[in-house]
N, C-alpha and C. Protein backbone atom coordinates (compact mmCIF):
# COMPACT_ATOMS: atom_id res chain seq x y z
N MET A 1 -7.92 3.73 18.18
CA MET A 1 -6.78 2.89 18.15
C MET A 1 -7.28 1.58 17.47
N PHE A 2 -8.38 1.18 17.77
CA PHE A 2 -9.13 0.00 17.28
C PHE A 2 -9.41 0.00 15.74
N ILE A 3 -9.69 1.29 15.35
CA ILE A 3 -10.08 1.46 13.92
C ILE A 3 -8.71 1.36 13.15
N LEU A 4 -7.65 2.02 13.50
CA LEU A 4 -6.34 1.82 13.03
C LEU A 4 -5.91 0.34 12.78
N ARG A 5 -6.19 -0.45 13.70
CA ARG A 5 -5.89 -1.92 13.72
C ARG A 5 -6.72 -2.71 12.59
N ILE A 6 -8.02 -2.34 12.49
CA ILE A 6 -8.87 -2.87 11.71
C ILE A 6 -8.48 -2.56 10.21
N VAL A 7 -8.18 -1.07 9.87
CA VAL A 7 -7.77 -0.61 8.59
C VAL A 7 -6.61 -1.27 8.22
N GLY A 8 -5.53 -1.41 9.17
CA GLY A 8 -4.23 -1.91 8.82
C GLY A 8 -4.39 -3.38 8.57
N LEU A 9 -5.18 -4.06 9.25
CA LEU A 9 -5.32 -5.53 8.99
C LEU A 9 -6.04 -5.88 7.52
N TRP A 10 -7.20 -5.01 7.08
CA TRP A 10 -7.71 -5.02 5.70
C TRP A 10 -6.54 -4.62 4.75
N ILE A 11 -5.84 -3.77 5.00
CA ILE A 11 -4.76 -3.34 3.90
C ILE A 11 -3.68 -4.51 3.87
N LEU A 12 -3.34 -5.21 4.92
CA LEU A 12 -2.48 -6.28 5.16
C LEU A 12 -3.25 -7.41 4.11
N ILE A 13 -4.51 -7.71 4.29
CA ILE A 13 -5.32 -8.72 3.71
C ILE A 13 -5.04 -8.35 1.91
N LEU A 14 -5.27 -6.97 1.62
CA LEU A 14 -5.15 -6.68 0.18
C LEU A 14 -3.73 -7.07 -0.33
N GLY A 15 -2.78 -6.76 0.70
CA GLY A 15 -1.34 -6.99 0.13
C GLY A 15 -1.06 -8.43 0.18
N PHE A 16 -1.74 -9.28 0.75
CA PHE A 16 -1.53 -10.72 0.50
C PHE A 16 -2.37 -11.22 -0.76
N ILE A 17 -3.51 -10.57 -0.94
CA ILE A 17 -4.13 -10.99 -2.28
C ILE A 17 -3.41 -10.57 -3.42
N ALA A 18 -2.74 -9.41 -3.33
CA ALA A 18 -1.78 -8.93 -4.49
C ALA A 18 -0.56 -9.97 -4.53
N LEU A 19 -0.10 -10.46 -3.52
CA LEU A 19 1.01 -11.36 -3.50
C LEU A 19 0.50 -12.57 -4.11
N VAL A 20 -0.70 -13.08 -3.84
CA VAL A 20 -1.10 -14.48 -4.32
C VAL A 20 -1.36 -14.07 -5.88
N TYR A 21 -1.84 -12.97 -6.30
CA TYR A 21 -2.12 -12.65 -7.67
C TYR A 21 -0.91 -12.65 -8.46
N ASP A 22 0.30 -12.12 -7.92
CA ASP A 22 1.58 -12.12 -8.69
C ASP A 22 2.08 -13.63 -8.64
N GLY A 23 1.89 -14.38 -7.66
CA GLY A 23 2.14 -15.73 -7.68
C GLY A 23 1.72 -16.72 -8.72
N THR A 24 0.45 -16.48 -8.84
CA THR A 24 -0.29 -17.24 -9.81
C THR A 24 -0.10 -16.77 -11.28
N LYS A 25 0.12 -15.48 -11.18
CA LYS A 25 0.56 -14.94 -12.62
C LYS A 25 2.04 -15.46 -13.09
N THR A 26 2.91 -15.70 -12.04
CA THR A 26 4.18 -16.13 -12.36
C THR A 26 4.26 -17.76 -12.58
N MET A 27 3.34 -18.40 -12.03
CA MET A 27 3.19 -19.78 -12.35
C MET A 27 2.39 -20.04 -13.67
N ALA A 28 1.55 -19.29 -14.05
CA ALA A 28 1.14 -19.32 -15.37
C ALA A 28 1.95 -19.00 -16.33
N ASN A 29 2.96 -18.10 -16.26
CA ASN A 29 3.78 -17.75 -17.34
C ASN A 29 5.18 -18.65 -17.41
N ASP A 30 4.92 -19.74 -16.98
CA ASP A 30 6.13 -20.90 -16.85
C ASP A 30 7.23 -20.53 -16.15
N GLY A 31 7.00 -19.72 -14.98
CA GLY A 31 8.04 -19.31 -14.07
C GLY A 31 8.65 -18.09 -14.42
N ASN A 32 8.27 -17.27 -15.39
CA ASN A 32 8.87 -15.88 -15.50
C ASN A 32 8.05 -15.22 -14.45
N ILE A 33 9.06 -14.37 -13.54
CA ILE A 33 8.55 -13.47 -12.61
C ILE A 33 7.76 -12.42 -13.01
N SER A 34 6.66 -12.22 -12.52
CA SER A 34 5.58 -11.27 -12.86
C SER A 34 5.28 -10.64 -11.55
N ILE A 35 5.71 -9.32 -11.55
CA ILE A 35 5.47 -8.43 -10.56
C ILE A 35 4.38 -7.20 -10.97
N THR A 36 3.41 -7.09 -10.36
CA THR A 36 2.55 -5.84 -10.70
C THR A 36 2.63 -4.86 -9.77
N SER A 37 2.92 -3.56 -10.08
CA SER A 37 2.91 -2.40 -9.22
C SER A 37 1.71 -1.96 -8.66
N LEU A 38 1.70 -1.17 -7.82
CA LEU A 38 0.52 -0.45 -7.09
C LEU A 38 -0.14 0.19 -8.07
N GLY A 39 0.45 1.04 -8.98
CA GLY A 39 -0.25 1.77 -10.01
C GLY A 39 -0.86 0.94 -11.02
N GLY A 40 -0.19 -0.16 -11.28
CA GLY A 40 -0.75 -1.06 -12.32
C GLY A 40 -2.04 -1.77 -11.81
N HIS A 41 -2.16 -2.26 -10.61
CA HIS A 41 -3.47 -2.76 -10.02
C HIS A 41 -4.31 -1.63 -10.10
N TRP A 42 -4.11 -0.41 -9.69
CA TRP A 42 -4.98 0.72 -9.65
C TRP A 42 -5.51 1.09 -10.92
N THR A 43 -4.64 1.15 -12.07
CA THR A 43 -5.09 1.47 -13.33
C THR A 43 -5.81 0.38 -14.02
N ALA A 44 -5.59 -0.87 -13.67
CA ALA A 44 -6.51 -1.97 -13.98
C ALA A 44 -8.00 -1.99 -13.52
N LEU A 45 -7.99 -1.61 -12.17
CA LEU A 45 -9.34 -1.46 -11.68
C LEU A 45 -10.15 -0.45 -12.05
N ASN A 46 -9.43 0.86 -12.00
CA ASN A 46 -10.16 2.18 -12.45
C ASN A 46 -9.19 3.06 -12.82
N GLU A 47 -8.98 3.32 -14.06
CA GLU A 47 -7.95 4.13 -14.76
C GLU A 47 -8.34 5.81 -14.47
N ALA A 48 -9.66 5.87 -14.51
CA ALA A 48 -10.15 7.34 -14.52
C ALA A 48 -9.75 7.89 -13.11
N SER A 49 -9.89 7.21 -12.06
CA SER A 49 -9.57 7.73 -10.77
C SER A 49 -7.99 8.06 -10.45
N PHE A 50 -7.17 6.88 -11.21
CA PHE A 50 -5.79 7.25 -11.07
C PHE A 50 -5.32 8.57 -11.80
N LYS A 51 -5.84 8.57 -13.13
CA LYS A 51 -5.68 9.89 -13.84
C LYS A 51 -6.07 11.29 -12.97
N PHE A 52 -7.43 11.13 -12.39
CA PHE A 52 -7.81 12.30 -11.48
C PHE A 52 -6.94 12.50 -10.41
N LEU A 53 -6.28 11.52 -9.51
CA LEU A 53 -5.19 11.84 -8.68
C LEU A 53 -4.12 12.32 -9.04
N GLU A 54 -3.60 11.89 -10.24
CA GLU A 54 -2.51 12.52 -10.85
C GLU A 54 -2.68 13.92 -11.14
N ASN A 55 -3.99 14.34 -11.91
CA ASN A 55 -4.09 15.70 -12.17
C ASN A 55 -4.42 16.58 -10.96
N LEU A 56 -4.94 16.02 -9.98
CA LEU A 56 -5.08 16.68 -8.63
C LEU A 56 -3.91 17.20 -8.04
N ILE A 57 -3.05 15.99 -8.03
CA ILE A 57 -1.71 16.33 -7.19
C ILE A 57 -0.89 17.27 -7.87
N SER A 58 -0.79 17.09 -9.27
CA SER A 58 -0.02 17.79 -10.05
C SER A 58 -0.50 19.19 -10.20
N THR A 59 -1.65 19.65 -10.23
CA THR A 59 -2.21 21.15 -10.14
C THR A 59 -2.37 21.57 -8.86
N SER A 60 -2.80 20.80 -7.89
CA SER A 60 -3.00 21.45 -6.49
C SER A 60 -1.65 21.69 -5.60
N LEU A 61 -0.62 20.66 -5.82
CA LEU A 61 0.58 20.84 -5.09
C LEU A 61 1.80 21.35 -5.94
N HIS A 62 2.21 20.49 -6.76
CA HIS A 62 3.22 20.85 -7.55
C HIS A 62 3.50 19.78 -8.63
N PRO A 63 3.97 19.85 -9.77
CA PRO A 63 4.12 18.69 -10.70
C PRO A 63 5.20 17.81 -10.22
N LEU A 64 6.30 18.53 -9.54
CA LEU A 64 7.47 17.81 -8.89
C LEU A 64 6.99 16.89 -7.73
N VAL A 65 5.91 17.28 -7.23
CA VAL A 65 5.62 16.17 -6.08
C VAL A 65 5.09 15.03 -6.61
N TRP A 66 4.31 15.02 -7.80
CA TRP A 66 3.87 13.90 -8.24
C TRP A 66 4.92 12.97 -8.92
N ASP A 67 5.87 13.62 -9.90
CA ASP A 67 6.77 12.90 -10.53
C ASP A 67 7.86 11.95 -9.67
N PRO A 68 8.60 12.64 -8.63
CA PRO A 68 9.54 11.74 -7.95
C PRO A 68 8.90 11.22 -6.89
N VAL A 69 8.00 11.63 -6.17
CA VAL A 69 7.38 11.07 -4.94
C VAL A 69 6.30 9.92 -5.02
N PHE A 70 5.16 10.61 -5.67
CA PHE A 70 3.91 9.61 -5.78
C PHE A 70 4.15 8.55 -6.90
N GLN A 71 4.88 9.01 -7.93
CA GLN A 71 5.07 8.00 -9.15
C GLN A 71 5.98 6.89 -8.60
N TRP A 72 6.94 7.30 -7.82
CA TRP A 72 8.03 6.28 -7.29
C TRP A 72 7.07 5.31 -6.31
N ALA A 73 6.22 5.72 -5.57
CA ALA A 73 5.58 5.07 -4.62
C ALA A 73 4.70 4.09 -5.52
N PHE A 74 3.94 4.50 -6.69
CA PHE A 74 3.08 3.71 -7.36
C PHE A 74 3.86 2.75 -8.13
N LEU A 75 5.18 2.89 -8.42
CA LEU A 75 5.98 1.87 -9.15
C LEU A 75 6.35 0.76 -8.17
N LEU A 76 6.20 0.93 -6.88
CA LEU A 76 6.45 -0.29 -5.94
C LEU A 76 5.56 -1.52 -6.19
N PRO A 77 6.16 -2.72 -5.85
CA PRO A 77 5.04 -3.94 -5.98
C PRO A 77 3.99 -3.66 -4.86
N ALA A 78 2.85 -4.20 -5.50
CA ALA A 78 1.48 -3.82 -4.70
C ALA A 78 1.60 -4.55 -3.45
N TRP A 79 2.15 -5.83 -3.36
CA TRP A 79 2.25 -6.40 -2.03
C TRP A 79 3.27 -5.78 -1.09
N PHE A 80 4.21 -5.20 -1.71
CA PHE A 80 5.24 -4.71 -0.66
C PHE A 80 4.76 -3.31 -0.16
N ALA A 81 4.04 -2.41 -1.04
CA ALA A 81 3.61 -1.11 -0.65
C ALA A 81 2.30 -1.31 0.32
N LEU A 82 1.47 -2.35 -0.01
CA LEU A 82 0.23 -2.53 0.92
C LEU A 82 0.66 -3.09 2.22
N GLY A 83 1.54 -4.12 2.08
CA GLY A 83 2.01 -4.70 3.56
C GLY A 83 2.86 -3.72 4.32
N LEU A 84 3.49 -2.80 3.75
CA LEU A 84 4.31 -1.80 4.42
C LEU A 84 3.28 -0.75 5.19
N VAL A 85 2.21 -0.41 4.36
CA VAL A 85 1.30 0.55 4.96
C VAL A 85 0.45 -0.06 5.99
N GLY A 86 0.03 -1.33 5.62
CA GLY A 86 -0.97 -2.02 6.66
C GLY A 86 -0.01 -2.47 7.93
N SER A 87 1.09 -2.76 7.82
CA SER A 87 1.94 -3.16 9.13
C SER A 87 2.22 -1.80 9.81
N TRP A 88 2.25 -0.69 9.24
CA TRP A 88 2.46 0.44 9.95
C TRP A 88 1.27 0.92 10.64
N LEU A 89 0.13 0.99 10.00
CA LEU A 89 -1.14 1.31 10.56
C LEU A 89 -1.54 0.38 11.76
N TYR A 90 -1.21 -0.96 11.54
CA TYR A 90 -1.55 -1.99 12.57
C TYR A 90 -0.63 -1.66 13.83
N TRP A 91 0.55 -1.26 13.55
CA TRP A 91 1.62 -1.02 14.62
C TRP A 91 1.26 0.24 15.37
N ILE A 92 0.76 1.30 14.70
CA ILE A 92 0.28 2.59 15.43
C ILE A 92 -0.88 2.35 16.26
N GLY A 93 -1.84 1.49 15.79
CA GLY A 93 -2.97 1.07 16.42
C GLY A 93 -2.93 0.16 17.48
N ARG A 94 -1.67 -0.43 17.73
CA ARG A 94 -1.51 -1.51 18.75
C ARG A 94 -1.80 -1.21 20.07
N LYS A 95 -2.30 -2.14 20.93
CA LYS A 95 -2.55 -1.83 22.35
C LYS A 95 -1.18 -1.60 23.09
N ARG A 96 -0.97 -0.71 23.77
CA ARG A 96 0.27 -0.43 24.39
C ARG A 96 0.03 -0.96 25.97
N LYS A 97 1.38 -1.42 26.41
CA LYS A 97 1.25 -1.80 27.75
C LYS A 97 1.37 -0.71 28.69
N LYS A 98 0.69 -0.87 29.70
CA LYS A 98 0.68 0.16 30.67
C LYS A 98 2.06 0.13 31.60
N ILE A 99 2.63 0.97 31.83
CA ILE A 99 3.76 1.27 32.42
C ILE A 99 3.42 1.75 33.91
N GLU A 100 3.64 1.06 34.70
CA GLU A 100 3.37 1.49 36.19
C GLU A 100 4.77 1.76 36.88
N ILE A 101 4.86 3.11 37.17
CA ILE A 101 6.01 3.56 37.85
C ILE A 101 5.78 3.86 39.45
N PHE A 102 6.54 3.09 40.16
CA PHE A 102 6.37 3.20 41.79
C PHE A 102 7.58 4.14 42.22
N LEU A 103 7.08 5.06 43.01
CA LEU A 103 8.13 6.08 43.45
C LEU A 103 8.18 5.93 44.95
N ASN A 104 9.29 5.92 45.32
CA ASN A 104 9.62 5.66 47.03
C ASN A 104 9.57 7.17 47.84
């Protein structure tokens, strides 16, 4: 559970970095809102691995799995997608309260 919290926290940090990136890009464009998608960040960092994942999913699963499901997820804003996944992982790995039940 501790590992999930650490991974979730790192993904949340990456989401915050993506939010700051979009914010500074917006300020540099004279206030024109600039939102970078998750796929946009991935292709900017390493386009070959993104194309490899696309080919892997399209050939091993089904082309319809890539097009509506994964492509939709990669079109989400990076800060939103990373924040959602990071929050979910952090919540899954949280410390749970012990429930003590006393029976008479």
